[in-house]
N, C-alpha and C. Protein backbone atom coordinates (compact mmCIF):
# COMPACT_ATOMS: atom_id res chain seq x y z
N MET A 1 0.86 -1.20 0.00
CA MET A 1 0.00 0.00 0.00
C MET A 1 0.89 1.24 0.00
N THR A 2 0.61 2.18 -0.88
CA THR A 2 1.38 3.43 -0.93
C THR A 2 0.59 4.54 -0.26
N ASP A 3 1.26 5.68 -0.06
CA ASP A 3 0.56 6.83 0.48
C ASP A 3 0.21 7.80 -0.64
N PHE A 4 -0.12 7.24 -1.79
CA PHE A 4 -0.52 8.00 -2.97
C PHE A 4 -1.61 8.99 -2.59
N LEU A 5 -1.40 10.26 -2.93
CA LEU A 5 -2.42 11.27 -2.64
C LEU A 5 -3.66 11.02 -3.50
N SER A 6 -4.82 11.27 -2.94
CA SER A 6 -6.04 11.11 -3.73
C SER A 6 -6.18 12.27 -4.70
N ALA A 7 -6.92 12.04 -5.78
CA ALA A 7 -7.15 13.10 -6.76
C ALA A 7 -7.87 14.27 -6.12
N ASP A 8 -8.82 13.99 -5.20
CA ASP A 8 -9.56 15.06 -4.55
C ASP A 8 -8.62 15.94 -3.74
N LEU A 9 -7.70 15.31 -3.02
CA LEU A 9 -6.76 16.08 -2.22
C LEU A 9 -5.90 16.96 -3.11
N MET A 10 -5.45 16.41 -4.23
CA MET A 10 -4.64 17.20 -5.14
C MET A 10 -5.40 18.41 -5.65
N GLN A 11 -6.67 18.21 -6.03
CA GLN A 11 -7.45 19.31 -6.58
C GLN A 11 -7.70 20.40 -5.55
N ASN A 12 -7.70 20.02 -4.26
CA ASN A 12 -7.96 20.99 -3.21
C ASN A 12 -6.71 21.72 -2.74
N GLU A 13 -5.54 21.27 -3.21
CA GLU A 13 -4.30 21.95 -2.85
C GLU A 13 -4.27 23.33 -3.51
N ILE A 14 -3.88 24.34 -2.76
CA ILE A 14 -3.81 25.70 -3.29
C ILE A 14 -2.37 26.17 -3.21
N LEU A 15 -1.88 26.70 -4.31
CA LEU A 15 -0.54 27.25 -4.31
C LEU A 15 -0.63 28.66 -3.73
N THR A 16 -0.23 28.82 -2.47
CA THR A 16 -0.35 30.10 -1.79
C THR A 16 0.83 30.99 -2.15
N PRO A 17 0.58 32.18 -2.66
CA PRO A 17 1.70 33.08 -3.00
C PRO A 17 2.54 33.39 -1.77
N LEU A 18 3.81 33.62 -1.98
CA LEU A 18 4.69 34.00 -0.88
C LEU A 18 4.46 35.45 -0.50
N SER A 19 4.60 35.75 0.75
CA SER A 19 4.49 37.13 1.22
C SER A 19 5.76 37.89 0.83
N PRO A 20 5.71 39.21 0.77
CA PRO A 20 6.93 39.99 0.49
C PRO A 20 8.07 39.66 1.44
N ALA A 21 7.74 39.43 2.72
CA ALA A 21 8.78 39.11 3.70
C ALA A 21 9.43 37.76 3.40
N ASP A 22 8.61 36.78 3.00
CA ASP A 22 9.15 35.47 2.66
C ASP A 22 10.03 35.55 1.41
N LEU A 23 9.60 36.33 0.43
CA LEU A 23 10.39 36.49 -0.78
C LEU A 23 11.73 37.16 -0.48
N GLN A 24 11.69 38.16 0.36
CA GLN A 24 12.92 38.85 0.74
C GLN A 24 13.89 37.89 1.42
N ARG A 25 13.34 37.02 2.24
CA ARG A 25 14.17 36.02 2.94
C ARG A 25 14.82 35.06 1.95
N LEU A 26 14.08 34.68 0.90
CA LEU A 26 14.61 33.74 -0.09
C LEU A 26 15.64 34.38 -1.02
N LEU A 27 15.53 35.70 -1.21
CA LEU A 27 16.32 36.36 -2.25
C LEU A 27 17.47 37.20 -1.70
N GLN A 28 18.00 36.83 -0.56
CA GLN A 28 19.14 37.56 -0.02
C GLN A 28 20.32 37.44 -0.99
N PRO A 29 20.94 38.55 -1.36
CA PRO A 29 22.06 38.52 -2.31
C PRO A 29 23.16 37.55 -1.86
N GLY A 30 23.57 36.71 -2.79
CA GLY A 30 24.63 35.74 -2.50
C GLY A 30 24.16 34.49 -1.79
N HIS A 31 22.89 34.46 -1.40
CA HIS A 31 22.38 33.32 -0.65
C HIS A 31 21.09 32.76 -1.25
N GLN A 32 20.81 33.12 -2.49
CA GLN A 32 19.59 32.64 -3.12
C GLN A 32 19.67 31.14 -3.40
N SER A 33 18.51 30.50 -3.40
CA SER A 33 18.46 29.11 -3.85
C SER A 33 18.85 29.04 -5.32
N ILE A 34 19.42 27.91 -5.69
CA ILE A 34 19.81 27.68 -7.09
C ILE A 34 18.97 26.54 -7.63
N PHE A 35 18.22 26.84 -8.68
CA PHE A 35 17.34 25.86 -9.30
C PHE A 35 17.95 25.41 -10.63
N LEU A 36 18.25 24.14 -10.74
CA LEU A 36 18.87 23.59 -11.95
C LEU A 36 17.79 23.07 -12.89
N ILE A 37 17.78 23.58 -14.12
CA ILE A 37 16.85 23.11 -15.13
C ILE A 37 17.64 22.55 -16.31
N GLY A 38 16.96 21.81 -17.18
CA GLY A 38 17.62 21.24 -18.34
C GLY A 38 17.06 19.85 -18.63
N MET A 39 17.49 19.31 -19.73
CA MET A 39 17.01 18.00 -20.17
C MET A 39 17.42 16.89 -19.22
N MET A 40 16.65 15.81 -19.25
CA MET A 40 17.09 14.60 -18.57
C MET A 40 18.46 14.21 -19.12
N GLY A 41 19.36 13.83 -18.24
CA GLY A 41 20.70 13.48 -18.68
C GLY A 41 21.67 14.65 -18.74
N ALA A 42 21.20 15.86 -18.42
CA ALA A 42 22.07 17.04 -18.51
C ALA A 42 23.01 17.14 -17.31
N GLY A 43 22.74 16.36 -16.26
CA GLY A 43 23.63 16.37 -15.09
C GLY A 43 23.11 17.16 -13.91
N LYS A 44 21.81 17.42 -13.89
CA LYS A 44 21.24 18.27 -12.82
C LYS A 44 21.44 17.66 -11.44
N THR A 45 21.16 16.38 -11.30
CA THR A 45 21.31 15.73 -9.99
C THR A 45 22.78 15.57 -9.62
N THR A 46 23.58 15.12 -10.55
CA THR A 46 25.00 14.89 -10.28
C THR A 46 25.72 16.19 -9.93
N LEU A 47 25.53 17.21 -10.77
CA LEU A 47 26.18 18.49 -10.50
C LEU A 47 25.56 19.18 -9.28
N GLY A 48 24.25 19.00 -9.13
CA GLY A 48 23.59 19.61 -7.98
C GLY A 48 24.15 19.12 -6.66
N ARG A 49 24.39 17.83 -6.57
CA ARG A 49 24.97 17.27 -5.34
C ARG A 49 26.37 17.85 -5.08
N GLN A 50 27.14 17.98 -6.15
CA GLN A 50 28.49 18.54 -6.01
C GLN A 50 28.43 20.00 -5.55
N LEU A 51 27.53 20.77 -6.15
CA LEU A 51 27.38 22.17 -5.75
C LEU A 51 27.00 22.27 -4.28
N ALA A 52 26.03 21.46 -3.89
CA ALA A 52 25.55 21.50 -2.51
C ALA A 52 26.68 21.16 -1.54
N ARG A 53 27.50 20.19 -1.90
CA ARG A 53 28.62 19.81 -1.03
C ARG A 53 29.62 20.96 -0.90
N HIS A 54 29.96 21.59 -2.02
CA HIS A 54 30.92 22.69 -1.99
C HIS A 54 30.38 23.89 -1.22
N LEU A 55 29.08 24.15 -1.37
CA LEU A 55 28.48 25.34 -0.76
C LEU A 55 27.89 25.07 0.62
N LYS A 56 27.99 23.79 1.05
CA LYS A 56 27.41 23.38 2.34
C LYS A 56 25.93 23.75 2.44
N ARG A 57 25.21 23.37 1.39
CA ARG A 57 23.77 23.60 1.33
C ARG A 57 23.02 22.28 1.24
N GLU A 58 21.72 22.35 1.51
CA GLU A 58 20.87 21.18 1.33
C GLU A 58 20.60 20.99 -0.16
N PHE A 59 20.62 19.72 -0.60
CA PHE A 59 20.30 19.40 -1.99
C PHE A 59 19.00 18.62 -2.05
N TYR A 60 18.18 18.96 -3.02
CA TYR A 60 16.93 18.24 -3.26
C TYR A 60 16.80 17.94 -4.74
N ASP A 61 16.29 16.76 -5.02
CA ASP A 61 15.95 16.36 -6.39
C ASP A 61 14.43 16.29 -6.44
N LEU A 62 13.82 17.07 -7.32
CA LEU A 62 12.37 17.19 -7.33
C LEU A 62 11.68 15.85 -7.57
N ASP A 63 12.20 15.05 -8.50
CA ASP A 63 11.61 13.73 -8.75
C ASP A 63 11.71 12.83 -7.53
N HIS A 64 12.85 12.86 -6.86
CA HIS A 64 13.04 12.02 -5.68
C HIS A 64 12.11 12.45 -4.54
N GLU A 65 11.94 13.76 -4.39
CA GLU A 65 11.02 14.27 -3.37
C GLU A 65 9.59 13.82 -3.66
N LEU A 66 9.23 13.85 -4.93
CA LEU A 66 7.88 13.44 -5.33
C LEU A 66 7.67 11.95 -5.11
N GLU A 67 8.69 11.16 -5.43
CA GLU A 67 8.61 9.71 -5.21
C GLU A 67 8.45 9.40 -3.72
N ALA A 68 9.20 10.13 -2.88
CA ALA A 68 9.11 9.90 -1.44
C ALA A 68 7.71 10.25 -0.91
N ARG A 69 7.13 11.31 -1.45
CA ARG A 69 5.80 11.73 -1.00
C ARG A 69 4.73 10.74 -1.45
N CYS A 70 4.84 10.27 -2.70
CA CYS A 70 3.82 9.38 -3.25
C CYS A 70 4.05 7.91 -2.88
N GLY A 71 5.30 7.55 -2.59
CA GLY A 71 5.59 6.17 -2.23
C GLY A 71 5.78 5.24 -3.40
N VAL A 72 5.87 5.80 -4.61
CA VAL A 72 6.07 4.99 -5.81
C VAL A 72 7.02 5.72 -6.76
N PRO A 73 7.67 5.01 -7.68
CA PRO A 73 8.55 5.66 -8.65
C PRO A 73 7.77 6.56 -9.61
N VAL A 74 8.50 7.50 -10.20
CA VAL A 74 7.90 8.40 -11.21
C VAL A 74 7.24 7.59 -12.32
N ALA A 75 7.88 6.51 -12.75
CA ALA A 75 7.32 5.70 -13.84
C ALA A 75 5.94 5.16 -13.47
N THR A 76 5.74 4.82 -12.20
CA THR A 76 4.44 4.31 -11.77
C THR A 76 3.39 5.40 -11.79
N ILE A 77 3.78 6.61 -11.39
CA ILE A 77 2.84 7.74 -11.46
C ILE A 77 2.41 7.96 -12.91
N PHE A 78 3.36 7.91 -13.83
CA PHE A 78 3.03 8.05 -15.25
C PHE A 78 2.07 6.95 -15.68
N ASP A 79 2.33 5.70 -15.26
CA ASP A 79 1.49 4.57 -15.66
C ASP A 79 0.06 4.74 -15.16
N ILE A 80 -0.09 5.19 -13.92
CA ILE A 80 -1.41 5.27 -13.31
C ILE A 80 -2.16 6.53 -13.72
N GLU A 81 -1.48 7.67 -13.74
CA GLU A 81 -2.15 8.95 -13.94
C GLU A 81 -1.81 9.65 -15.24
N GLY A 82 -0.86 9.08 -16.00
CA GLY A 82 -0.44 9.74 -17.23
C GLY A 82 0.44 10.94 -16.94
N GLU A 83 0.95 11.56 -18.00
CA GLU A 83 1.85 12.70 -17.81
C GLU A 83 1.12 13.87 -17.15
N ALA A 84 -0.14 14.09 -17.49
CA ALA A 84 -0.88 15.21 -16.92
C ALA A 84 -0.98 15.10 -15.40
N GLY A 85 -1.27 13.89 -14.91
CA GLY A 85 -1.34 13.68 -13.47
C GLY A 85 0.01 13.90 -12.80
N PHE A 86 1.05 13.40 -13.44
CA PHE A 86 2.40 13.60 -12.90
C PHE A 86 2.73 15.07 -12.83
N ARG A 87 2.39 15.83 -13.87
CA ARG A 87 2.74 17.25 -13.90
C ARG A 87 2.01 18.03 -12.80
N ARG A 88 0.79 17.65 -12.48
CA ARG A 88 0.08 18.31 -11.39
C ARG A 88 0.81 18.08 -10.07
N ARG A 89 1.19 16.85 -9.83
CA ARG A 89 1.92 16.54 -8.61
C ARG A 89 3.28 17.26 -8.57
N GLU A 90 3.91 17.34 -9.71
CA GLU A 90 5.21 18.00 -9.80
C GLU A 90 5.10 19.47 -9.38
N THR A 91 4.04 20.13 -9.83
CA THR A 91 3.84 21.53 -9.47
C THR A 91 3.67 21.71 -7.97
N LEU A 92 2.89 20.83 -7.34
CA LEU A 92 2.70 20.92 -5.90
C LEU A 92 4.01 20.69 -5.15
N GLU A 93 4.80 19.73 -5.62
CA GLU A 93 6.07 19.44 -4.95
C GLU A 93 7.06 20.58 -5.15
N LEU A 94 7.05 21.18 -6.34
CA LEU A 94 7.94 22.31 -6.60
C LEU A 94 7.59 23.48 -5.68
N ASP A 95 6.31 23.70 -5.45
CA ASP A 95 5.89 24.77 -4.55
C ASP A 95 6.45 24.55 -3.15
N ILE A 96 6.41 23.29 -2.70
CA ILE A 96 6.93 22.97 -1.37
C ILE A 96 8.45 23.16 -1.31
N CYS A 97 9.15 22.60 -2.28
CA CYS A 97 10.62 22.65 -2.26
C CYS A 97 11.16 24.06 -2.42
N SER A 98 10.56 24.83 -3.31
CA SER A 98 11.10 26.15 -3.63
C SER A 98 10.86 27.18 -2.53
N ARG A 99 10.11 26.82 -1.50
CA ARG A 99 9.93 27.70 -0.34
C ARG A 99 11.07 27.55 0.67
N ARG A 100 11.90 26.53 0.49
CA ARG A 100 13.01 26.32 1.41
C ARG A 100 14.15 27.28 1.07
N PRO A 101 14.75 27.92 2.06
CA PRO A 101 15.80 28.90 1.77
C PRO A 101 17.15 28.27 1.46
N GLU A 102 17.87 28.90 0.55
CA GLU A 102 19.29 28.62 0.29
C GLU A 102 19.56 27.14 -0.03
N ILE A 103 18.77 26.58 -0.93
CA ILE A 103 18.95 25.18 -1.31
C ILE A 103 19.47 25.08 -2.74
N ILE A 104 19.89 23.88 -3.10
CA ILE A 104 20.16 23.53 -4.49
C ILE A 104 19.07 22.54 -4.89
N LEU A 105 18.34 22.84 -5.94
CA LEU A 105 17.22 21.98 -6.36
C LEU A 105 17.40 21.56 -7.82
N ALA A 106 17.45 20.25 -8.04
CA ALA A 106 17.46 19.71 -9.40
C ALA A 106 16.01 19.42 -9.80
N THR A 107 15.55 20.08 -10.85
CA THR A 107 14.18 19.86 -11.31
C THR A 107 14.15 18.77 -12.38
N GLY A 108 12.96 18.27 -12.66
CA GLY A 108 12.81 17.33 -13.77
C GLY A 108 12.89 18.07 -15.10
N GLY A 109 13.20 17.35 -16.15
CA GLY A 109 13.39 17.97 -17.46
C GLY A 109 12.18 18.74 -17.95
N GLY A 110 10.98 18.27 -17.61
CA GLY A 110 9.76 18.91 -18.08
C GLY A 110 9.12 19.84 -17.08
N ALA A 111 9.80 20.12 -15.97
CA ALA A 111 9.20 20.97 -14.93
C ALA A 111 8.93 22.38 -15.43
N ILE A 112 9.64 22.79 -16.47
CA ILE A 112 9.49 24.16 -16.97
C ILE A 112 8.29 24.32 -17.90
N LEU A 113 7.57 23.24 -18.18
CA LEU A 113 6.47 23.31 -19.15
C LEU A 113 5.27 24.07 -18.59
N ALA A 114 5.03 23.98 -17.29
CA ALA A 114 3.87 24.64 -16.68
C ALA A 114 4.21 26.09 -16.33
N GLU A 115 3.31 26.99 -16.68
CA GLU A 115 3.54 28.41 -16.40
C GLU A 115 3.70 28.66 -14.90
N ALA A 116 2.90 27.96 -14.08
CA ALA A 116 3.01 28.14 -12.63
C ALA A 116 4.41 27.76 -12.14
N ASN A 117 4.97 26.72 -12.70
CA ASN A 117 6.33 26.30 -12.30
C ASN A 117 7.36 27.35 -12.70
N ARG A 118 7.23 27.86 -13.92
CA ARG A 118 8.18 28.87 -14.38
C ARG A 118 8.14 30.10 -13.47
N HIS A 119 6.94 30.48 -13.07
CA HIS A 119 6.80 31.64 -12.20
C HIS A 119 7.48 31.39 -10.86
N MET A 120 7.27 30.21 -10.27
CA MET A 120 7.89 29.90 -8.98
C MET A 120 9.41 29.90 -9.08
N LEU A 121 9.93 29.28 -10.12
CA LEU A 121 11.38 29.20 -10.28
C LEU A 121 11.99 30.59 -10.43
N LYS A 122 11.38 31.41 -11.27
CA LYS A 122 11.92 32.74 -11.54
C LYS A 122 11.81 33.65 -10.32
N GLU A 123 10.73 33.49 -9.58
CA GLU A 123 10.46 34.37 -8.45
C GLU A 123 11.28 34.03 -7.22
N ARG A 124 11.62 32.76 -7.02
CA ARG A 124 12.12 32.32 -5.72
C ARG A 124 13.61 32.00 -5.67
N GLY A 125 14.35 32.17 -6.76
CA GLY A 125 15.77 31.86 -6.72
C GLY A 125 16.44 32.16 -8.05
N THR A 126 17.64 31.63 -8.21
CA THR A 126 18.40 31.78 -9.44
C THR A 126 18.26 30.51 -10.27
N VAL A 127 17.91 30.66 -11.53
CA VAL A 127 17.67 29.52 -12.42
C VAL A 127 18.90 29.29 -13.30
N VAL A 128 19.44 28.08 -13.23
CA VAL A 128 20.62 27.72 -14.02
C VAL A 128 20.24 26.63 -15.01
N TYR A 129 20.43 26.93 -16.29
CA TYR A 129 20.16 25.95 -17.34
C TYR A 129 21.43 25.18 -17.64
N LEU A 130 21.42 23.88 -17.37
CA LEU A 130 22.53 23.00 -17.72
C LEU A 130 22.28 22.48 -19.13
N ARG A 131 23.07 22.95 -20.06
CA ARG A 131 22.83 22.62 -21.47
C ARG A 131 23.78 21.53 -21.95
N ALA A 132 23.24 20.58 -22.69
CA ALA A 132 24.04 19.51 -23.30
C ALA A 132 23.44 19.22 -24.68
N ASN A 133 24.29 18.80 -25.62
CA ASN A 133 23.78 18.55 -26.97
C ASN A 133 23.13 17.17 -27.05
N ILE A 134 22.47 16.93 -28.17
CA ILE A 134 21.69 15.70 -28.34
C ILE A 134 22.57 14.46 -28.21
N ASN A 135 23.74 14.49 -28.83
CA ASN A 135 24.61 13.31 -28.80
C ASN A 135 25.06 12.99 -27.38
N GLU A 136 25.39 14.02 -26.61
CA GLU A 136 25.83 13.82 -25.24
C GLU A 136 24.68 13.30 -24.38
N LEU A 137 23.49 13.85 -24.58
CA LEU A 137 22.33 13.39 -23.82
C LEU A 137 22.02 11.93 -24.12
N TYR A 138 22.08 11.56 -25.39
CA TYR A 138 21.78 10.18 -25.76
C TYR A 138 22.83 9.22 -25.20
N ARG A 139 24.09 9.64 -25.23
CA ARG A 139 25.16 8.80 -24.68
C ARG A 139 24.91 8.50 -23.20
N ARG A 140 24.45 9.50 -22.47
CA ARG A 140 24.22 9.34 -21.04
C ARG A 140 22.95 8.53 -20.74
N LEU A 141 21.98 8.57 -21.65
CA LEU A 141 20.66 8.00 -21.37
C LEU A 141 20.35 6.69 -22.08
N GLU A 142 21.21 6.27 -23.02
CA GLU A 142 20.83 5.16 -23.89
C GLU A 142 20.57 3.85 -23.14
N ARG A 143 21.16 3.68 -21.97
CA ARG A 143 20.94 2.44 -21.20
C ARG A 143 19.96 2.64 -20.03
N ASP A 144 19.42 3.83 -19.92
CA ASP A 144 18.52 4.14 -18.79
C ASP A 144 17.10 3.73 -19.15
N LYS A 145 16.58 2.72 -18.44
CA LYS A 145 15.23 2.21 -18.72
C LYS A 145 14.18 2.78 -17.76
N THR A 146 14.57 3.77 -16.95
CA THR A 146 13.65 4.30 -15.94
C THR A 146 12.92 5.56 -16.39
N ARG A 147 13.22 6.04 -17.59
CA ARG A 147 12.63 7.31 -18.05
C ARG A 147 11.38 7.03 -18.87
N PRO A 148 10.20 7.35 -18.33
CA PRO A 148 8.95 7.04 -19.06
C PRO A 148 8.88 7.64 -20.45
N LEU A 149 9.39 8.86 -20.63
CA LEU A 149 9.27 9.53 -21.93
C LEU A 149 10.21 8.95 -22.98
N LEU A 150 11.15 8.09 -22.57
CA LEU A 150 12.09 7.51 -23.53
C LEU A 150 11.77 6.06 -23.89
N GLN A 151 10.65 5.56 -23.39
CA GLN A 151 10.28 4.18 -23.70
C GLN A 151 9.58 4.12 -25.06
N THR A 152 10.37 4.40 -26.09
CA THR A 152 9.87 4.42 -27.47
C THR A 152 10.83 3.61 -28.34
N ALA A 153 10.42 3.39 -29.58
CA ALA A 153 11.25 2.63 -30.51
C ALA A 153 12.53 3.39 -30.88
N ASN A 154 12.48 4.71 -30.82
CA ASN A 154 13.63 5.53 -31.21
C ASN A 154 13.89 6.60 -30.15
N PRO A 155 14.57 6.23 -29.05
CA PRO A 155 14.81 7.19 -27.96
C PRO A 155 15.59 8.43 -28.40
N GLN A 156 16.56 8.24 -29.32
CA GLN A 156 17.35 9.39 -29.75
C GLN A 156 16.48 10.42 -30.46
N GLU A 157 15.57 9.96 -31.27
CA GLU A 157 14.64 10.86 -31.94
C GLU A 157 13.74 11.55 -30.93
N ARG A 158 13.34 10.83 -29.89
CA ARG A 158 12.50 11.40 -28.85
C ARG A 158 13.25 12.49 -28.08
N ILE A 159 14.52 12.25 -27.79
CA ILE A 159 15.34 13.26 -27.11
C ILE A 159 15.43 14.52 -27.96
N ALA A 160 15.66 14.33 -29.26
CA ALA A 160 15.76 15.48 -30.17
C ALA A 160 14.46 16.27 -30.19
N SER A 161 13.34 15.57 -30.21
CA SER A 161 12.04 16.22 -30.23
C SER A 161 11.78 17.01 -28.95
N LEU A 162 12.09 16.39 -27.80
CA LEU A 162 11.90 17.06 -26.52
C LEU A 162 12.81 18.28 -26.40
N LEU A 163 14.04 18.14 -26.86
CA LEU A 163 14.99 19.25 -26.76
C LEU A 163 14.53 20.42 -27.63
N ALA A 164 14.05 20.13 -28.84
CA ALA A 164 13.56 21.19 -29.72
C ALA A 164 12.39 21.93 -29.10
N GLU A 165 11.53 21.19 -28.39
CA GLU A 165 10.37 21.80 -27.75
C GLU A 165 10.76 22.63 -26.52
N ARG A 166 11.70 22.12 -25.75
CA ARG A 166 11.97 22.71 -24.45
C ARG A 166 13.10 23.73 -24.42
N GLU A 167 14.06 23.63 -25.33
CA GLU A 167 15.24 24.50 -25.23
C GLU A 167 14.90 25.99 -25.24
N PRO A 168 13.98 26.44 -26.08
CA PRO A 168 13.65 27.88 -26.03
C PRO A 168 13.13 28.31 -24.66
N ILE A 169 12.40 27.41 -23.98
CA ILE A 169 11.88 27.73 -22.64
C ILE A 169 13.02 27.76 -21.64
N TYR A 170 13.91 26.76 -21.71
CA TYR A 170 15.07 26.74 -20.81
C TYR A 170 15.85 28.05 -20.94
N GLU A 171 16.12 28.45 -22.17
CA GLU A 171 16.96 29.62 -22.40
C GLU A 171 16.28 30.90 -21.93
N GLN A 172 14.99 30.99 -22.15
CA GLN A 172 14.26 32.19 -21.74
C GLN A 172 14.18 32.30 -20.22
N LEU A 173 14.05 31.17 -19.55
CA LEU A 173 13.87 31.15 -18.10
C LEU A 173 15.18 31.33 -17.34
N ALA A 174 16.27 30.93 -17.94
CA ALA A 174 17.55 30.85 -17.23
C ALA A 174 18.14 32.22 -16.90
N ASP A 175 18.67 32.33 -15.68
CA ASP A 175 19.52 33.46 -15.30
C ASP A 175 20.96 33.18 -15.71
N VAL A 176 21.32 31.89 -15.72
CA VAL A 176 22.67 31.46 -16.08
C VAL A 176 22.55 30.24 -16.99
N VAL A 177 23.32 30.21 -18.08
CA VAL A 177 23.38 29.04 -18.96
C VAL A 177 24.79 28.46 -18.85
N PHE A 178 24.85 27.15 -18.57
CA PHE A 178 26.14 26.49 -18.39
C PHE A 178 26.20 25.23 -19.25
N GLU A 179 27.23 25.15 -20.10
CA GLU A 179 27.42 23.98 -20.97
C GLU A 179 28.08 22.87 -20.15
N THR A 180 27.39 21.74 -20.02
CA THR A 180 27.96 20.66 -19.22
C THR A 180 29.05 19.90 -19.96
N GLY A 181 28.91 19.74 -21.27
CA GLY A 181 29.94 19.08 -22.06
C GLY A 181 30.26 17.69 -21.57
N SER A 182 31.51 17.26 -21.78
CA SER A 182 31.93 15.91 -21.39
C SER A 182 32.99 15.94 -20.30
N ALA A 183 33.16 17.08 -19.63
CA ALA A 183 34.16 17.20 -18.57
C ALA A 183 33.79 16.31 -17.39
N PRO A 184 34.79 15.81 -16.65
CA PRO A 184 34.49 15.05 -15.43
C PRO A 184 33.64 15.89 -14.48
N VAL A 185 32.85 15.21 -13.66
CA VAL A 185 31.89 15.91 -12.80
C VAL A 185 32.57 16.92 -11.88
N HIS A 186 33.68 16.52 -11.25
CA HIS A 186 34.33 17.43 -10.31
C HIS A 186 34.83 18.69 -11.00
N LEU A 187 35.28 18.55 -12.24
CA LEU A 187 35.76 19.72 -12.99
C LEU A 187 34.59 20.60 -13.43
N ALA A 188 33.52 19.97 -13.91
CA ALA A 188 32.34 20.73 -14.32
C ALA A 188 31.77 21.50 -13.13
N ALA A 189 31.75 20.87 -11.96
CA ALA A 189 31.23 21.54 -10.77
C ALA A 189 32.07 22.75 -10.41
N LYS A 190 33.38 22.63 -10.50
CA LYS A 190 34.27 23.76 -10.21
C LYS A 190 34.04 24.89 -11.20
N GLN A 191 33.90 24.54 -12.48
CA GLN A 191 33.66 25.56 -13.49
C GLN A 191 32.33 26.28 -13.25
N LEU A 192 31.31 25.52 -12.88
CA LEU A 192 30.01 26.13 -12.61
C LEU A 192 30.08 27.03 -11.38
N LEU A 193 30.79 26.60 -10.35
CA LEU A 193 30.98 27.45 -9.17
C LEU A 193 31.65 28.76 -9.55
N ASP A 194 32.65 28.70 -10.41
CA ASP A 194 33.34 29.92 -10.85
C ASP A 194 32.38 30.85 -11.58
N VAL A 195 31.54 30.28 -12.44
CA VAL A 195 30.56 31.10 -13.18
C VAL A 195 29.59 31.76 -12.21
N LEU A 196 29.10 31.00 -11.23
CA LEU A 196 28.13 31.53 -10.28
C LEU A 196 28.76 32.65 -9.42
N LYS A 197 30.03 32.51 -9.10
CA LYS A 197 30.71 33.56 -8.34
C LYS A 197 30.90 34.80 -9.20
N GLU A 198 31.30 34.61 -10.46
CA GLU A 198 31.49 35.73 -11.38
C GLU A 198 30.20 36.54 -11.54
N GLN A 199 29.09 35.84 -11.58
CA GLN A 199 27.80 36.50 -11.77
C GLN A 199 27.15 36.89 -10.45
N GLU A 200 27.89 36.72 -9.35
CA GLU A 200 27.47 37.12 -8.00
C GLU A 200 26.18 36.43 -7.56
N VAL A 201 25.99 35.20 -8.04
CA VAL A 201 24.87 34.39 -7.58
C VAL A 201 25.19 33.86 -6.19
N ILE A 202 26.46 33.52 -5.99
CA ILE A 202 26.93 33.07 -4.66
C ILE A 202 28.06 33.98 -4.22
N SER A 203 28.26 34.04 -2.92
CA SER A 203 29.31 34.94 -2.39
C SER A 203 30.56 34.14 -2.06
């Protein structure tokens, strides 16, 4: 038995706007939360953990938080409720996570599709787009069987389609764009830290 939220409970959840005082608390210069966006396979979770360790901050992965709340994997939520049901739950979880001060949050690849999500991300912290090209994304994901959106006959074509749809949104939403490339994780994390310091996102 899982603790899956009922549909009625979900529909009754209200996204309460933050007060000016709460926003001010979240947006202290040099101490803002960092929200990582980008395609699946772009390195949001891996780099996010490294950033959090270097900055001595709490790290959260939005999908993992959602799985813990629902008691089932993301793939199961997709199976039972479809993508639309998953996206509703994702918005509620993002609202909860993004209220926490001075965190590093790795979002799901499609979290930027909902206008409410984009508003929360932009309003409550600094948004960093981790960009990777199609070939690099496919190399990282080709053996991953846990991604519901890639369970197709041609995963590489699906990645290309998703990237074409989402990249303009990632770029428009981002305060910082960082190319992940093929550098080792520890080196990429150091480079990203340098960029964030240069842009005075962190002190």
